[in-house]
Amino acid sequence: TDQIYLLKNEGYMYIIMWRDEALDLLDKRDRFTRLEVRKEFKQVATDPYNHGIEIDPATRLFATSICNQRYTLVWNLDESNKTIIVQAFVACPFSDKEQITAAILSESNGTIRLF
């Protein structure tokens, strides 16, 4: 778990949690990439509305491209529990919901289904 301040000026602390399946996908990358992904996501997650694209408003599911748009993280924002839950990590830039869903299914061998 990583801790960040999502709304610094209001002092709300959010916890970033990674699903095991998302960590499995991240662990396929080299050590430098893993560290950079976590570091950059902590920075952009401080302002999800400017850095994330909400792809499913009903479940508060966002996609955020990071590391010069080489990777995309898909995550939920659970405001009531002050938690960001990373659902998936894939090696492609975000373009649309269908493209990212296909990439996640492919990279996870069908184990991660978001919709």
PDB file of N, CA and C in Angstrom:
ATOM      1  N   THR A   1       0.838  -1.190   0.000  1.00  0.00           N
ATOM      2  CA  THR A   1       0.000   0.000   0.000  1.00  0.00           C
ATOM      3  C   THR A   1       0.878   1.246   0.000  1.00  0.00           C
ATOM      4  N   ASP A   2       0.465   2.223  -0.768  1.00  0.00           N
ATOM      5  CA  ASP A   2       1.141   3.510  -0.833  1.00  0.00           C
ATOM      6  C   ASP A   2       0.167   4.551  -0.312  1.00  0.00           C
ATOM      7  N   GLN A   3       0.674   5.537   0.399  1.00  0.00           N
ATOM      8  CA  GLN A   3      -0.194   6.604   0.878  1.00  0.00           C
ATOM      9  C   GLN A   3       0.123   7.884   0.126  1.00  0.00           C
ATOM     10  N   ILE A   4      -0.925   8.620  -0.217  1.00  0.00           N
ATOM     11  CA  ILE A   4      -0.758   9.904  -0.888  1.00  0.00           C
ATOM     12  C   ILE A   4      -1.753  10.886  -0.297  1.00  0.00           C
ATOM     13  N   TYR A   5      -1.554  12.145  -0.566  1.00  0.00           N
ATOM     14  CA  TYR A   5      -2.544  13.154  -0.249  1.00  0.00           C
ATOM     15  C   TYR A   5      -3.229  13.521  -1.547  1.00  0.00           C
ATOM     16  N   LEU A   6      -4.479  13.140  -1.686  1.00  0.00           N
ATOM     17  CA  LEU A   6      -5.196  13.379  -2.930  1.00  0.00           C
ATOM     18  C   LEU A   6      -5.582  14.851  -3.061  1.00  0.00           C
ATOM     19  N   LEU A   7      -6.081  15.427  -2.011  1.00  0.00           N
ATOM     20  CA  LEU A   7      -6.443  16.843  -2.026  1.00  0.00           C
ATOM     21  C   LEU A   7      -5.607  17.524  -0.944  1.00  0.00           C
ATOM     22  N   LYS A   8      -4.408  17.898  -1.299  1.00  0.00           N
ATOM     23  CA  LYS A   8      -3.452  18.397  -0.316  1.00  0.00           C
ATOM     24  C   LYS A   8      -3.986  19.579   0.482  1.00  0.00           C
ATOM     25  N   ASN A   9      -4.597  20.529  -0.188  1.00  0.00           N
ATOM     26  CA  ASN A   9      -5.019  21.723   0.533  1.00  0.00           C
ATOM     27  C   ASN A   9      -6.193  21.456   1.463  1.00  0.00           C
ATOM     28  N   GLU A  10      -6.894  20.353   1.283  1.00  0.00           N
ATOM     29  CA  GLU A  10      -7.969  20.002   2.209  1.00  0.00           C
ATOM     30  C   GLU A  10      -7.535  18.910   3.183  1.00  0.00           C
ATOM     31  N   GLY A  11      -6.338  18.363   2.984  1.00  0.00           N
ATOM     32  CA  GLY A  11      -5.772  17.414   3.921  1.00  0.00           C
ATOM     33  C   GLY A  11      -6.345  16.015   3.884  1.00  0.00           C
ATOM     34  N   TYR A  12      -6.996  15.619   2.799  1.00  0.00           N
ATOM     35  CA  TYR A  12      -7.531  14.264   2.721  1.00  0.00           C
ATOM     36  C   TYR A  12      -6.428  13.289   2.347  1.00  0.00           C
ATOM     37  N   MET A  13      -6.283  12.245   3.118  1.00  0.00           N
ATOM     38  CA  MET A  13      -5.279  11.248   2.806  1.00  0.00           C
ATOM     39  C   MET A  13      -5.960  10.033   2.169  1.00  0.00           C
ATOM     40  N   TYR A  14      -5.473   9.636   1.023  1.00  0.00           N
ATOM     41  CA  TYR A  14      -5.974   8.449   0.348  1.00  0.00           C
ATOM     42  C   TYR A  14      -4.894   7.375   0.357  1.00  0.00           C
ATOM     43  N   ILE A  15      -5.322   6.152   0.363  1.00  0.00           N
ATOM     44  CA  ILE A  15      -4.415   5.021   0.299  1.00  0.00           C
ATOM     45  C   ILE A  15      -4.526   4.420  -1.096  1.00  0.00           C
ATOM     46  N   ILE A  16      -3.381   4.137  -1.713  1.00  0.00           N
ATOM     47  CA  ILE A  16      -3.373   3.444  -2.998  1.00  0.00           C
ATOM     48  C   ILE A  16      -3.181   1.964  -2.709  1.00  0.00           C
ATOM     49  N   MET A  17      -4.137   1.182  -3.164  1.00  0.00           N
ATOM     50  CA  MET A  17      -4.045  -0.278  -3.003  1.00  0.00           C
ATOM     51  C   MET A  17      -3.975  -0.897  -4.394  1.00  0.00           C
ATOM     52  N   TRP A  18      -3.193  -1.942  -4.520  1.00  0.00           N
ATOM     53  CA  TRP A  18      -3.045  -2.646  -5.794  1.00  0.00           C
ATOM     54  C   TRP A  18      -3.666  -4.032  -5.677  1.00  0.00           C
ATOM     55  N   ARG A  19      -4.561  -4.363  -6.595  1.00  0.00           N
ATOM     56  CA  ARG A  19      -5.070  -5.735  -6.667  1.00  0.00           C
ATOM     57  C   ARG A  19      -3.913  -6.649  -7.035  1.00  0.00           C
ATOM     58  N   ASP A  20      -3.954  -7.880  -6.564  1.00  0.00           N
ATOM     59  CA  ASP A  20      -2.884  -8.830  -6.854  1.00  0.00           C
ATOM     60  C   ASP A  20      -2.669  -8.993  -8.351  1.00  0.00           C
ATOM     61  N   GLU A  21      -3.746  -9.017  -9.115  1.00  0.00           N
ATOM     62  CA  GLU A  21      -3.634  -9.188 -10.563  1.00  0.00           C
ATOM     63  C   GLU A  21      -2.903  -8.006 -11.207  1.00  0.00           C
ATOM     64  N   ALA A  22      -3.149  -6.802 -10.712  1.00  0.00           N
ATOM     65  CA  ALA A  22      -2.453  -5.627 -11.227  1.00  0.00           C
ATOM     66  C   ALA A  22      -0.969  -5.677 -10.871  1.00  0.00           C
ATOM     67  N   LEU A  23      -0.675  -6.120  -9.656  1.00  0.00           N
ATOM     68  CA  LEU A  23       0.727  -6.268  -9.253  1.00  0.00           C
ATOM     69  C   LEU A  23       1.433  -7.327 -10.079  1.00  0.00           C
ATOM     70  N   ASP A  24       0.730  -8.408 -10.412  1.00  0.00           N
ATOM     71  CA  ASP A  24       1.323  -9.448 -11.259  1.00  0.00           C
ATOM     72  C   ASP A  24       1.743  -8.873 -12.607  1.00  0.00           C
ATOM     73  N   LEU A  25       0.882  -8.018 -13.180  1.00  0.00           N
ATOM     74  CA  LEU A  25       1.223  -7.398 -14.458  1.00  0.00           C
ATOM     75  C   LEU A  25       2.398  -6.433 -14.306  1.00  0.00           C
ATOM     76  N   LEU A  26       2.420  -5.680 -13.217  1.00  0.00           N
ATOM     77  CA  LEU A  26       3.521  -4.752 -12.969  1.00  0.00           C
ATOM     78  C   LEU A  26       4.828  -5.512 -12.733  1.00  0.00           C
ATOM     79  N   ASP A  27       4.752  -6.645 -12.036  1.00  0.00           N
ATOM     80  CA  ASP A  27       5.949  -7.419 -11.721  1.00  0.00           C
ATOM     81  C   ASP A  27       6.618  -8.032 -12.947  1.00  0.00           C
ATOM     82  N   LYS A  28       5.944  -8.036 -14.075  1.00  0.00           N
ATOM     83  CA  LYS A  28       6.547  -8.534 -15.321  1.00  0.00           C
ATOM     84  C   LYS A  28       7.569  -7.540 -15.876  1.00  0.00           C
ATOM     85  N   ARG A  29       7.547  -6.327 -15.370  1.00  0.00           N
ATOM     86  CA  ARG A  29       8.450  -5.273 -15.845  1.00  0.00           C
ATOM     87  C   ARG A  29       9.728  -5.260 -15.014  1.00  0.00           C
ATOM     88  N   ASP A  30      10.745  -4.579 -15.532  1.00  0.00           N
ATOM     89  CA  ASP A  30      12.015  -4.483 -14.809  1.00  0.00           C
ATOM     90  C   ASP A  30      11.858  -3.590 -13.578  1.00  0.00           C
ATOM     91  N   ARG A  31      12.826  -3.660 -12.690  1.00  0.00           N
ATOM     92  CA  ARG A  31      12.772  -2.944 -11.417  1.00  0.00           C
ATOM     93  C   ARG A  31      12.624  -1.436 -11.616  1.00  0.00           C
ATOM     94  N   PHE A  32      13.367  -0.869 -12.557  1.00  0.00           N
ATOM     95  CA  PHE A  32      13.293   0.569 -12.811  1.00  0.00           C
ATOM     96  C   PHE A  32      11.876   0.970 -13.219  1.00  0.00           C
ATOM     97  N   THR A  33      11.284   0.213 -14.123  1.00  0.00           N
ATOM     98  CA  THR A  33       9.928   0.520 -14.587  1.00  0.00           C
ATOM     99  C   THR A  33       8.934   0.426 -13.442  1.00  0.00           C
ATOM    100  N   ARG A  34       9.051  -0.608 -12.632  1.00  0.00           N
ATOM    101  CA  ARG A  34       8.124  -0.763 -11.496  1.00  0.00           C
ATOM    102  C   ARG A  34       8.195   0.442 -10.569  1.00  0.00           C
ATOM    103  N   LEU A  35       9.401   0.879 -10.265  1.00  0.00           N
ATOM    104  CA  LEU A  35       9.567   2.029  -9.371  1.00  0.00           C
ATOM    105  C   LEU A  35       9.030   3.315 -10.007  1.00  0.00           C
ATOM    106  N   GLU A  36       9.313   3.523 -11.282  1.00  0.00           N
ATOM    107  CA  GLU A  36       8.844   4.723 -11.977  1.00  0.00           C
ATOM    108  C   GLU A  36       7.321   4.765 -12.069  1.00  0.00           C
ATOM    109  N   VAL A  37       6.708   3.624 -12.354  1.00  0.00           N
ATOM    110  CA  VAL A  37       5.254   3.565 -12.456  1.00  0.00           C
ATOM    111  C   VAL A  37       4.624   3.961 -11.129  1.00  0.00           C
ATOM    112  N   ARG A  38       5.095   3.373 -10.044  1.00  0.00           N
ATOM    113  CA  ARG A  38       4.543   3.703  -8.726  1.00  0.00           C
ATOM    114  C   ARG A  38       4.771   5.171  -8.376  1.00  0.00           C
ATOM    115  N   LYS A  39       5.980   5.659  -8.634  1.00  0.00           N
ATOM    116  CA  LYS A  39       6.318   7.043  -8.304  1.00  0.00           C
ATOM    117  C   LYS A  39       5.449   8.019  -9.108  1.00  0.00           C
ATOM    118  N   GLU A  40       5.354   7.795 -10.408  1.00  0.00           N
ATOM    119  CA  GLU A  40       4.577   8.725 -11.223  1.00  0.00           C
ATOM    120  C   GLU A  40       3.089   8.640 -10.914  1.00  0.00           C
ATOM    121  N   PHE A  41       2.588   7.438 -10.652  1.00  0.00           N
ATOM    122  CA  PHE A  41       1.169   7.328 -10.345  1.00  0.00           C
ATOM    123  C   PHE A  41       0.837   8.053  -9.051  1.00  0.00           C
ATOM    124  N   LYS A  42       1.703   7.995  -8.064  1.00  0.00           N
ATOM    125  CA  LYS A  42       1.466   8.740  -6.823  1.00  0.00           C
ATOM    126  C   LYS A  42       1.361  10.234  -7.108  1.00  0.00           C
ATOM    127  N   GLN A  43       2.177  10.722  -8.040  1.00  0.00           N
ATOM    128  CA  GLN A  43       2.140  12.153  -8.376  1.00  0.00           C
ATOM    129  C   GLN A  43       0.859  12.527  -9.105  1.00  0.00           C
ATOM    130  N   VAL A  44       0.479  11.752 -10.116  1.00  0.00           N
ATOM    131  CA  VAL A  44      -0.706  12.127 -10.896  1.00  0.00           C
ATOM    132  C   VAL A  44      -1.996  11.830 -10.143  1.00  0.00           C
ATOM    133  N   ALA A  45      -1.973  10.887  -9.222  1.00  0.00           N
ATOM    134  CA  ALA A  45      -3.183  10.554  -8.466  1.00  0.00           C
ATOM    135  C   ALA A  45      -3.568  11.643  -7.477  1.00  0.00           C
ATOM    136  N   THR A  46      -2.703  12.635  -7.297  1.00  0.00           N
ATOM    137  CA  THR A  46      -3.079  13.753  -6.432  1.00  0.00           C
ATOM    138  C   THR A  46      -4.150  14.619  -7.067  1.00  0.00           C
ATOM    139  N   ASP A  47      -4.376  14.437  -8.363  1.00  0.00           N
ATOM    140  CA  ASP A  47      -5.402  15.212  -9.064  1.00  0.00           C
ATOM    141  C   ASP A  47      -6.033  14.333 -10.146  1.00  0.00           C
ATOM    142  N   PRO A  48      -6.851  13.344  -9.755  1.00  0.00           N
ATOM    143  CA  PRO A  48      -7.348  12.358 -10.717  1.00  0.00           C
ATOM    144  C   PRO A  48      -8.222  12.943 -11.810  1.00  0.00           C
ATOM    145  N   TYR A  49      -8.889  14.055 -11.550  1.00  0.00           N
ATOM    146  CA  TYR A  49      -9.776  14.624 -12.551  1.00  0.00           C
ATOM    147  C   TYR A  49      -9.009  15.294 -13.679  1.00  0.00           C
ATOM    148  N   ASN A  50      -7.779  15.695 -13.443  1.00  0.00           N
ATOM    149  CA  ASN A  50      -6.954  16.276 -14.496  1.00  0.00           C
ATOM    150  C   ASN A  50      -6.030  15.254 -15.141  1.00  0.00           C
ATOM    151  N   HIS A  51      -5.729  14.177 -14.452  1.00  0.00           N
ATOM    152  CA  HIS A  51      -4.782  13.195 -14.976  1.00  0.00           C
ATOM    153  C   HIS A  51      -5.427  11.867 -15.326  1.00  0.00           C
ATOM    154  N   GLY A  52      -6.664  11.677 -14.928  1.00  0.00           N
ATOM    155  CA  GLY A  52      -7.349  10.427 -15.224  1.00  0.00           C
ATOM    156  C   GLY A  52      -8.584  10.676 -16.064  1.00  0.00           C
ATOM    157  N   ILE A  53      -8.923   9.706 -16.861  1.00  0.00           N
ATOM    158  CA  ILE A  53     -10.135   9.773 -17.667  1.00  0.00           C
ATOM    159  C   ILE A  53     -11.128   8.806 -17.049  1.00  0.00           C
ATOM    160  N   GLU A  54     -12.268   9.311 -16.643  1.00  0.00           N
ATOM    161  CA  GLU A  54     -13.271   8.450 -16.022  1.00  0.00           C
ATOM    162  C   GLU A  54     -13.941   7.625 -17.121  1.00  0.00           C
ATOM    163  N   ILE A  55     -13.726   6.303 -17.081  1.00  0.00           N
ATOM    164  CA  ILE A  55     -14.268   5.448 -18.136  1.00  0.00           C
ATOM    165  C   ILE A  55     -15.549   4.738 -17.718  1.00  0.00           C
ATOM    166  N   ASP A  56     -15.857   4.769 -16.432  1.00  0.00           N
ATOM    167  CA  ASP A  56     -17.133   4.216 -15.970  1.00  0.00           C
ATOM    168  C   ASP A  56     -17.585   4.988 -14.729  1.00  0.00           C
ATOM    169  N   PRO A  57     -18.416   6.009 -14.925  1.00  0.00           N
ATOM    170  CA  PRO A  57     -18.845   6.839 -13.799  1.00  0.00           C
ATOM    171  C   PRO A  57     -19.591   6.060 -12.710  1.00  0.00           C
ATOM    172  N   ALA A  58     -20.297   5.014 -13.074  1.00  0.00           N
ATOM    173  CA  ALA A  58     -21.070   4.255 -12.086  1.00  0.00           C
ATOM    174  C   ALA A  58     -20.169   3.597 -11.046  1.00  0.00           C
ATOM    175  N   THR A  59     -18.992   3.146 -11.475  1.00  0.00           N
ATOM    176  CA  THR A  59     -18.077   2.473 -10.544  1.00  0.00           C
ATOM    177  C   THR A  59     -16.859   3.324 -10.207  1.00  0.00           C
ATOM    178  N   ARG A  60     -16.853   4.581 -10.696  1.00  0.00           N
ATOM    179  CA  ARG A  60     -15.719   5.493 -10.471  1.00  0.00           C
ATOM    180  C   ARG A  60     -14.419   4.881 -10.985  1.00  0.00           C
ATOM    181  N   LEU A  61     -14.464   4.297 -12.179  1.00  0.00           N
ATOM    182  CA  LEU A  61     -13.312   3.665 -12.805  1.00  0.00           C
ATOM    183  C   LEU A  61     -12.615   4.674 -13.711  1.00  0.00           C
ATOM    184  N   PHE A  62     -11.315   4.848 -13.493  1.00  0.00           N
ATOM    185  CA  PHE A  62     -10.501   5.795 -14.239  1.00  0.00           C
ATOM    186  C   PHE A  62      -9.380   5.064 -14.974  1.00  0.00           C
ATOM    187  N   ALA A  63      -8.870   5.711 -16.015  1.00  0.00           N
ATOM    188  CA  ALA A  63      -7.654   5.251 -16.693  1.00  0.00           C
ATOM    189  C   ALA A  63      -6.680   6.416 -16.707  1.00  0.00           C
ATOM    190  N   THR A  64      -5.429   6.125 -16.410  1.00  0.00           N
ATOM    191  CA  THR A  64      -4.390   7.150 -16.393  1.00  0.00           C
ATOM    192  C   THR A  64      -3.176   6.628 -17.141  1.00  0.00           C
ATOM    193  N   SER A  65      -2.762   7.355 -18.179  1.00  0.00           N
ATOM    194  CA  SER A  65      -1.527   7.015 -18.891  1.00  0.00           C
ATOM    195  C   SER A  65      -0.360   7.671 -18.171  1.00  0.00           C
ATOM    196  N   ILE A  66       0.713   6.919 -18.025  1.00  0.00           N
ATOM    197  CA  ILE A  66       1.886   7.422 -17.321  1.00  0.00           C
ATOM    198  C   ILE A  66       3.152   7.047 -18.076  1.00  0.00           C
ATOM    199  N   CYS A  67       4.275   7.563 -17.596  1.00  0.00           N
ATOM    200  CA  CYS A  67       5.598   7.282 -18.178  1.00  0.00           C
ATOM    201  C   CYS A  67       5.598   7.590 -19.673  1.00  0.00           C
ATOM    202  N   ASN A  68       5.328   8.845 -20.001  1.00  0.00           N
ATOM    203  CA  ASN A  68       5.272   9.307 -21.383  1.00  0.00           C
ATOM    204  C   ASN A  68       4.258   8.522 -22.201  1.00  0.00           C
ATOM    205  N   GLN A  69       3.166   8.162 -21.567  1.00  0.00           N
ATOM    206  CA  GLN A  69       2.048   7.446 -22.167  1.00  0.00           C
ATOM    207  C   GLN A  69       2.426   6.063 -22.701  1.00  0.00           C
ATOM    208  N   ARG A  70       3.441   5.459 -22.105  1.00  0.00           N
ATOM    209  CA  ARG A  70       3.803   4.082 -22.484  1.00  0.00           C
ATOM    210  C   ARG A  70       2.947   3.069 -21.750  1.00  0.00           C
ATOM    211  N   TYR A  71       2.429   3.435 -20.583  1.00  0.00           N
ATOM    212  CA  TYR A  71       1.657   2.515 -19.746  1.00  0.00           C
ATOM    213  C   TYR A  71       0.351   3.166 -19.325  1.00  0.00           C
ATOM    214  N   THR A  72      -0.617   2.317 -18.987  1.00  0.00           N
ATOM    215  CA  THR A  72      -1.887   2.804 -18.473  1.00  0.00           C
ATOM    216  C   THR A  72      -2.244   2.039 -17.206  1.00  0.00           C
ATOM    217  N   LEU A  73      -2.678   2.770 -16.202  1.00  0.00           N
ATOM    218  CA  LEU A  73      -3.218   2.182 -14.990  1.00  0.00           C
ATOM    219  C   LEU A  73      -4.720   2.401 -15.002  1.00  0.00           C
ATOM    220  N   VAL A  74      -5.460   1.363 -14.644  1.00  0.00           N
ATOM    221  CA  VAL A  74      -6.911   1.465 -14.514  1.00  0.00           C
ATOM    222  C   VAL A  74      -7.228   1.280 -13.045  1.00  0.00           C
ATOM    223  N   TRP A  75      -8.010   2.200 -12.490  1.00  0.00           N
ATOM    224  CA  TRP A  75      -8.205   2.218 -11.043  1.00  0.00           C
ATOM    225  C   TRP A  75      -9.559   2.788 -10.674  1.00  0.00           C
ATOM    226  N   ASN A  76      -9.993   2.409  -9.475  1.00  0.00           N
ATOM    227  CA  ASN A  76     -11.241   2.932  -8.903  1.00  0.00           C
ATOM    228  C   ASN A  76     -10.920   3.960  -7.838  1.00  0.00           C
ATOM    229  N   LEU A  77     -11.787   4.953  -7.756  1.00  0.00           N
ATOM    230  CA  LEU A  77     -11.700   5.943  -6.684  1.00  0.00           C
ATOM    231  C   LEU A  77     -12.847   5.682  -5.719  1.00  0.00           C
ATOM    232  N   ASP A  78     -12.505   5.252  -4.518  1.00  0.00           N
ATOM    233  CA  ASP A  78     -13.500   4.997  -3.473  1.00  0.00           C
ATOM    234  C   ASP A  78     -13.385   6.124  -2.460  1.00  0.00           C
ATOM    235  N   GLU A  79     -14.151   7.174  -2.688  1.00  0.00           N
ATOM    236  CA  GLU A  79     -14.044   8.360  -1.840  1.00  0.00           C
ATOM    237  C   GLU A  79     -14.508   8.103  -0.407  1.00  0.00           C
ATOM    238  N   SER A  80     -15.493   7.229  -0.231  1.00  0.00           N
ATOM    239  CA  SER A  80     -16.004   6.983   1.120  1.00  0.00           C
ATOM    240  C   SER A  80     -14.971   6.296   2.009  1.00  0.00           C
ATOM    241  N   ASN A  81     -14.131   5.448   1.422  1.00  0.00           N
ATOM    242  CA  ASN A  81     -13.089   4.767   2.196  1.00  0.00           C
ATOM    243  C   ASN A  81     -11.712   5.385   1.997  1.00  0.00           C
ATOM    244  N   LYS A  82     -11.661   6.520   1.285  1.00  0.00           N
ATOM    245  CA  LYS A  82     -10.401   7.225   1.032  1.00  0.00           C
ATOM    246  C   LYS A  82      -9.355   6.292   0.403  1.00  0.00           C
ATOM    247  N   THR A  83      -9.789   5.577  -0.644  1.00  0.00           N
ATOM    248  CA  THR A  83      -8.925   4.570  -1.249  1.00  0.00           C
ATOM    249  C   THR A  83      -8.953   4.662  -2.772  1.00  0.00           C
ATOM    250  N   ILE A  84      -7.781   4.495  -3.355  1.00  0.00           N
ATOM    251  CA  ILE A  84      -7.632   4.304  -4.796  1.00  0.00           C
ATOM    252  C   ILE A  84      -7.220   2.841  -4.971  1.00  0.00           C
ATOM    253  N   ILE A  85      -7.952   2.108  -5.794  1.00  0.00           N
ATOM    254  CA  ILE A  85      -7.670   0.689  -5.982  1.00  0.00           C
ATOM    255  C   ILE A  85      -7.243   0.480  -7.428  1.00  0.00           C
ATOM    256  N   VAL A  86      -5.975   0.129  -7.621  1.00  0.00           N
ATOM    257  CA  VAL A  86      -5.453  -0.117  -8.964  1.00  0.00           C
ATOM    258  C   VAL A  86      -5.931  -1.495  -9.403  1.00  0.00           C
ATOM    259  N   GLN A  87      -6.692  -1.517 -10.495  1.00  0.00           N
ATOM    260  CA  GLN A  87      -7.284  -2.751 -11.004  1.00  0.00           C
ATOM    261  C   GLN A  87      -6.395  -3.440 -12.025  1.00  0.00           C
ATOM    262  N   ALA A  88      -5.672  -2.646 -12.825  1.00  0.00           N
ATOM    263  CA  ALA A  88      -4.868  -3.224 -13.905  1.00  0.00           C
ATOM    264  C   ALA A  88      -3.756  -2.272 -14.318  1.00  0.00           C
ATOM    265  N   PHE A  89      -2.734  -2.847 -14.903  1.00  0.00           N
ATOM    266  CA  PHE A  89      -1.583  -2.121 -15.432  1.00  0.00           C
ATOM    267  C   PHE A  89      -1.257  -2.751 -16.786  1.00  0.00           C
ATOM    268  N   VAL A  90      -1.208  -1.944 -17.823  1.00  0.00           N
ATOM    269  CA  VAL A  90      -0.888  -2.474 -19.154  1.00  0.00           C
ATOM    270  C   VAL A  90       0.108  -1.577 -19.869  1.00  0.00           C
ATOM    271  N   ALA A  91       0.837  -2.191 -20.791  1.00  0.00           N
ATOM    272  CA  ALA A  91       1.863  -1.478 -21.551  1.00  0.00           C
ATOM    273  C   ALA A  91       1.280  -0.940 -22.848  1.00  0.00           C
ATOM    274  N   CYS A  92       0.450   0.088 -22.718  1.00  0.00           N
ATOM    275  CA  CYS A  92      -0.076   0.781 -23.894  1.00  0.00           C
ATOM    276  C   CYS A  92      -0.672   2.096 -23.427  1.00  0.00           C
ATOM    277  N   PRO A  93      -0.698   3.094 -24.308  1.00  0.00           N
ATOM    278  CA  PRO A  93      -1.347   4.352 -23.932  1.00  0.00           C
ATOM    279  C   PRO A  93      -2.854   4.179 -23.966  1.00  0.00           C
ATOM    280  N   PHE A  94      -3.550   4.976 -23.184  1.00  0.00           N
ATOM    281  CA  PHE A  94      -5.006   4.915 -23.178  1.00  0.00           C
ATOM    282  C   PHE A  94      -5.556   5.660 -24.379  1.00  0.00           C
ATOM    283  N   SER A  95      -6.435   4.991 -25.135  1.00  0.00           N
ATOM    284  CA  SER A  95      -7.107   5.695 -26.228  1.00  0.00           C
ATOM    285  C   SER A  95      -8.619   5.647 -26.043  1.00  0.00           C
ATOM    286  N   ASP A  96      -9.158   4.475 -25.710  1.00  0.00           N
ATOM    287  CA  ASP A  96     -10.583   4.380 -25.428  1.00  0.00           C
ATOM    288  C   ASP A  96     -10.855   3.129 -24.591  1.00  0.00           C
ATOM    289  N   LYS A  97     -12.068   3.043 -24.115  1.00  0.00           N
ATOM    290  CA  LYS A  97     -12.471   1.973 -23.205  1.00  0.00           C
ATOM    291  C   LYS A  97     -12.295   0.579 -23.836  1.00  0.00           C
ATOM    292  N   GLU A  98     -12.680   0.436 -25.096  1.00  0.00           N
ATOM    293  CA  GLU A  98     -12.589  -0.860 -25.763  1.00  0.00           C
ATOM    294  C   GLU A  98     -11.141  -1.286 -25.961  1.00  0.00           C
ATOM    295  N   GLN A  99     -10.292  -0.339 -26.351  1.00  0.00           N
ATOM    296  CA  GLN A  99      -8.879  -0.645 -26.581  1.00  0.00           C
ATOM    297  C   GLN A  99      -8.191  -1.070 -25.287  1.00  0.00           C
ATOM    298  N   ILE A 100      -8.460  -0.352 -24.198  1.00  0.00           N
ATOM    299  CA  ILE A 100      -7.804  -0.689 -22.940  1.00  0.00           C
ATOM    300  C   ILE A 100      -8.337  -2.004 -22.376  1.00  0.00           C
ATOM    301  N   THR A 101      -9.634  -2.281 -22.577  1.00  0.00           N
ATOM    302  CA  THR A 101     -10.209  -3.548 -22.140  1.00  0.00           C
ATOM    303  C   THR A 101      -9.555  -4.706 -22.879  1.00  0.00           C
ATOM    304  N   ALA A 102      -9.365  -4.565 -24.174  1.00  0.00           N
ATOM    305  CA  ALA A 102      -8.721  -5.618 -24.969  1.00  0.00           C
ATOM    306  C   ALA A 102      -7.274  -5.829 -24.530  1.00  0.00           C
ATOM    307  N   ALA A 103      -6.557  -4.734 -24.266  1.00  0.00           N
ATOM    308  CA  ALA A 103      -5.162  -4.840 -23.829  1.00  0.00           C
ATOM    309  C   ALA A 103      -5.062  -5.539 -22.470  1.00  0.00           C
ATOM    310  N   ILE A 104      -5.973  -5.212 -21.564  1.00  0.00           N
ATOM    311  CA  ILE A 104      -5.969  -5.838 -20.235  1.00  0.00           C
ATOM    312  C   ILE A 104      -6.273  -7.324 -20.338  1.00  0.00           C
ATOM    313  N   LEU A 105      -7.268  -7.680 -21.128  1.00  0.00           N
ATOM    314  CA  LEU A 105      -7.599  -9.096 -21.314  1.00  0.00           C
ATOM    315  C   LEU A 105      -6.421  -9.859 -21.904  1.00  0.00           C
ATOM    316  N   SER A 106      -5.752  -9.249 -22.863  1.00  0.00           N
ATOM    317  CA  SER A 106      -4.613  -9.902 -23.505  1.00  0.00           C
ATOM    318  C   SER A 106      -3.437 -10.078 -22.541  1.00  0.00           C
ATOM    319  N   GLU A 107      -3.042  -8.997 -21.869  1.00  0.00           N
ATOM    320  CA  GLU A 107      -1.876  -9.063 -20.978  1.00  0.00           C
ATOM    321  C   GLU A 107      -2.127  -9.917 -19.742  1.00  0.00           C
ATOM    322  N   SER A 108      -3.376  -9.985 -19.297  1.00  0.00           N
ATOM    323  CA  SER A 108      -3.672 -10.769 -18.087  1.00  0.00           C
ATOM    324  C   SER A 108      -4.119 -12.195 -18.421  1.00  0.00           C
ATOM    325  N   ASN A 109      -4.059 -12.548 -19.701  1.00  0.00           N
ATOM    326  CA  ASN A 109      -4.548 -13.866 -20.145  1.00  0.00           C
ATOM    327  C   ASN A 109      -5.986 -14.119 -19.705  1.00  0.00           C
ATOM    328  N   GLY A 110      -6.783 -13.060 -19.737  1.00  0.00           N
ATOM    329  CA  GLY A 110      -8.198 -13.174 -19.431  1.00  0.00           C
ATOM    330  C   GLY A 110      -8.558 -13.188 -17.959  1.00  0.00           C
ATOM    331  N   THR A 111      -7.573 -12.992 -17.068  1.00  0.00           N
ATOM    332  CA  THR A 111      -7.867 -13.053 -15.631  1.00  0.00           C
ATOM    333  C   THR A 111      -8.461 -11.758 -15.082  1.00  0.00           C
ATOM    334  N   ILE A 112      -8.241 -10.638 -15.784  1.00  0.00           N
ATOM    335  CA  ILE A 112      -8.788  -9.354 -15.321  1.00  0.00           C
ATOM    336  C   ILE A 112      -9.886  -8.938 -16.290  1.00  0.00           C
ATOM    337  N   ARG A 113     -11.097  -8.858 -15.771  1.00  0.00           N
ATOM    338  CA  ARG A 113     -12.243  -8.388 -16.543  1.00  0.00           C
ATOM    339  C   ARG A 113     -12.866  -7.223 -15.786  1.00  0.00           C
ATOM    340  N   LEU A 114     -12.805  -6.058 -16.376  1.00  0.00           N
ATOM    341  CA  LEU A 114     -13.305  -4.855 -15.713  1.00  0.00           C
ATOM    342  C   LEU A 114     -14.775  -4.611 -15.966  1.00  0.00           C
ATOM    343  N   PHE A 115     -15.300  -5.130 -17.064  1.00  0.00           N
ATOM    344  CA  PHE A 115     -16.694  -4.863 -17.423  1.00  0.00           C
ATOM    345  C   PHE A 115     -17.411  -6.159 -17.709  1.00  0.00           C
TER     346      PHE A 115
END
